[in-house]
Amino acid sequence: MLIKKEHFFKCPSCGVNIQKELWNIADARLFPDVNKEILDGKFNIVLCSKCKVEFYAEVPFVYQDVNKKLFITVFPEIMKKDEFKIRKQLNSVKDEKNLNKDLKDMIFFGIGSLVEFLKLLEK
């Protein structure tokens, strides 16, 4: 299982190319602190070496918490326009791979929607 992966992107402030290892799968069972990291706004944060601007790197990732029966795929907010196509593709893969039907399978666009959802679960 790939937990972290190298990603390549540009700093949104100065445009410098950045290579950084970021979460691909955030498994709350294996890494209990990941939930706090997400809620505290420290998840997949990058500091540009040139301009020193800190920003959230919007890359797709999976958040899973088997204890709460959650399997959530989080896409960059900009991909929301392709939501229908993405849902169709994910459902196809889920059916083909016969993924665990016991988990609540959800899709969010943007880390903010995941943060809101996790905060609701804590109440």
Protein backbone atom coordinates (compact mmCIF):
# COMPACT_ATOMS: atom_id res chain seq x y z
CA MET A 1 0.00 0.00 0.00
CA LEU A 2 1.46 3.32 -1.08
CA ILE A 3 1.04 5.84 1.73
CA LYS A 4 3.17 8.73 0.45
CA LYS A 5 4.23 9.60 -3.08
CA GLU A 6 6.49 12.17 -4.76
CA HIS A 7 4.54 14.96 -6.43
CA PHE A 8 5.70 17.72 -8.77
CA PHE A 9 3.98 21.12 -8.96
CA LYS A 10 4.57 24.86 -9.07
CA CYS A 11 4.44 27.31 -6.19
CA PRO A 12 1.23 29.34 -6.61
CA SER A 13 3.06 32.48 -5.50
CA CYS A 14 6.36 32.56 -7.40
CA GLY A 15 5.98 29.67 -9.88
CA VAL A 16 9.11 27.79 -8.87
CA ASN A 17 9.01 24.02 -9.53
CA ILE A 18 8.67 21.94 -6.37
CA GLN A 19 9.09 18.24 -5.71
CA LYS A 20 7.64 17.00 -2.42
CA GLU A 21 6.55 13.73 -0.86
CA LEU A 22 2.86 14.03 0.07
CA TRP A 23 0.18 11.77 1.47
CA ASN A 24 -1.47 9.54 -1.10
CA ILE A 25 -3.38 7.49 1.47
CA ALA A 26 -4.17 8.91 4.89
CA ASP A 27 -5.04 5.89 7.02
CA ALA A 28 -6.28 6.93 10.47
CA ARG A 29 -5.77 3.43 11.81
CA LEU A 30 -2.09 3.25 10.81
CA PHE A 31 -1.36 6.94 11.47
CA PRO A 32 -3.66 8.17 14.28
CA ASP A 33 -2.22 11.72 14.11
CA VAL A 34 -3.30 12.21 10.48
CA ASN A 35 -6.81 13.21 11.55
CA LYS A 36 -5.42 15.99 13.78
CA GLU A 37 -3.03 17.04 11.00
CA ILE A 38 -5.98 17.45 8.61
CA LEU A 39 -8.13 19.31 11.16
CA ASP A 40 -5.23 21.62 12.14
CA GLY A 41 -4.54 22.59 8.50
CA LYS A 42 -1.12 20.91 8.45
CA PHE A 43 -1.91 18.10 6.01
CA ASN A 44 0.04 18.13 2.71
CA ILE A 45 1.39 21.61 3.44
CA VAL A 46 4.37 22.76 1.40
CA LEU A 47 6.85 25.56 2.09
CA CYS A 48 8.32 27.10 -1.05
CA SER A 49 12.10 27.17 -0.78
CA LYS A 50 12.33 30.32 -2.90
CA CYS A 51 9.60 32.72 -1.69
CA LYS A 52 8.89 31.00 1.67
CA VAL A 53 5.12 30.94 1.03
CA GLU A 54 3.36 28.05 2.75
CA PHE A 55 0.44 26.46 0.90
CA TYR A 56 -1.76 23.38 0.74
CA ALA A 57 -0.76 21.12 -2.15
CA GLU A 58 -4.01 20.07 -3.80
CA VAL A 59 -3.36 16.51 -4.90
CA PRO A 60 -5.90 13.67 -4.87
CA PHE A 61 -5.69 11.38 -1.85
CA VAL A 62 -7.67 8.78 0.04
CA TYR A 63 -8.65 9.19 3.68
CA GLN A 64 -9.68 6.00 5.39
CA ASP A 65 -10.74 5.19 8.90
CA VAL A 66 -11.72 1.55 9.19
CA ASN A 67 -12.91 2.02 12.79
CA LYS A 68 -15.47 4.59 11.58
CA LYS A 69 -16.05 2.60 8.36
CA LEU A 70 -14.96 5.53 6.15
CA PHE A 71 -13.31 5.44 2.76
CA ILE A 72 -13.13 8.98 1.37
CA THR A 73 -11.49 10.06 -1.86
CA VAL A 74 -10.54 13.74 -1.86
CA PHE A 75 -9.93 15.51 -5.16
CA PRO A 76 -8.68 19.06 -5.77
CA GLU A 77 -11.56 21.51 -5.74
CA ILE A 78 -10.85 22.48 -9.35
CA MET A 79 -11.88 18.95 -10.41
CA LYS A 80 -15.47 19.46 -9.16
CA LYS A 81 -16.52 20.35 -12.72
CA ASP A 82 -15.74 16.72 -13.68
CA GLU A 83 -17.62 15.23 -10.72
CA PHE A 84 -20.04 13.10 -12.76
CA LYS A 85 -17.24 11.54 -14.82
CA ILE A 86 -15.07 10.95 -11.73
CA ARG A 87 -17.91 9.29 -9.80
CA LYS A 88 -18.68 7.06 -12.77
CA GLN A 89 -15.04 5.96 -13.06
CA LEU A 90 -14.68 5.32 -9.33
CA ASN A 91 -17.89 3.28 -9.22
CA SER A 92 -16.64 1.21 -12.14
CA VAL A 93 -13.35 0.48 -10.37
CA LYS A 94 -15.15 -0.28 -7.11
CA ASP A 95 -17.43 -2.79 -8.83
CA GLU A 96 -14.57 -4.34 -10.80
CA LYS A 97 -12.30 -4.75 -7.77
CA ASN A 98 -15.19 -5.80 -5.49
CA LEU A 99 -14.04 -3.36 -2.81
CA ASN A 100 -15.20 -3.65 0.78
CA LYS A 101 -18.93 -2.91 0.81
CA ASP A 102 -18.90 -2.37 4.59
CA LEU A 103 -17.09 0.97 4.28
CA LYS A 104 -18.97 4.19 3.65
CA ASP A 105 -17.52 5.31 0.33
CA MET A 106 -17.55 9.09 -0.18
CA ILE A 107 -16.05 11.68 -2.52
CA PHE A 108 -15.10 15.23 -1.57
CA PHE A 109 -13.71 18.07 -3.63
CA GLY A 110 -11.25 20.23 -1.71
CA ILE A 111 -9.73 19.59 1.70
CA GLY A 112 -12.17 22.08 3.27
CA SER A 113 -15.13 19.76 2.71
CA LEU A 114 -13.25 16.89 4.36
CA VAL A 115 -12.35 19.11 7.34
CA GLU A 116 -16.02 20.14 7.77
CA PHE A 117 -17.12 16.50 7.63
CA LEU A 118 -14.53 15.34 10.17
CA LYS A 119 -15.50 18.16 12.53
CA LEU A 120 -19.14 17.05 12.33
CA LEU A 121 -18.10 13.50 13.24
CA GLU A 122 -16.31 14.76 16.34
CA LYS A 123 -19.49 16.35 17.74
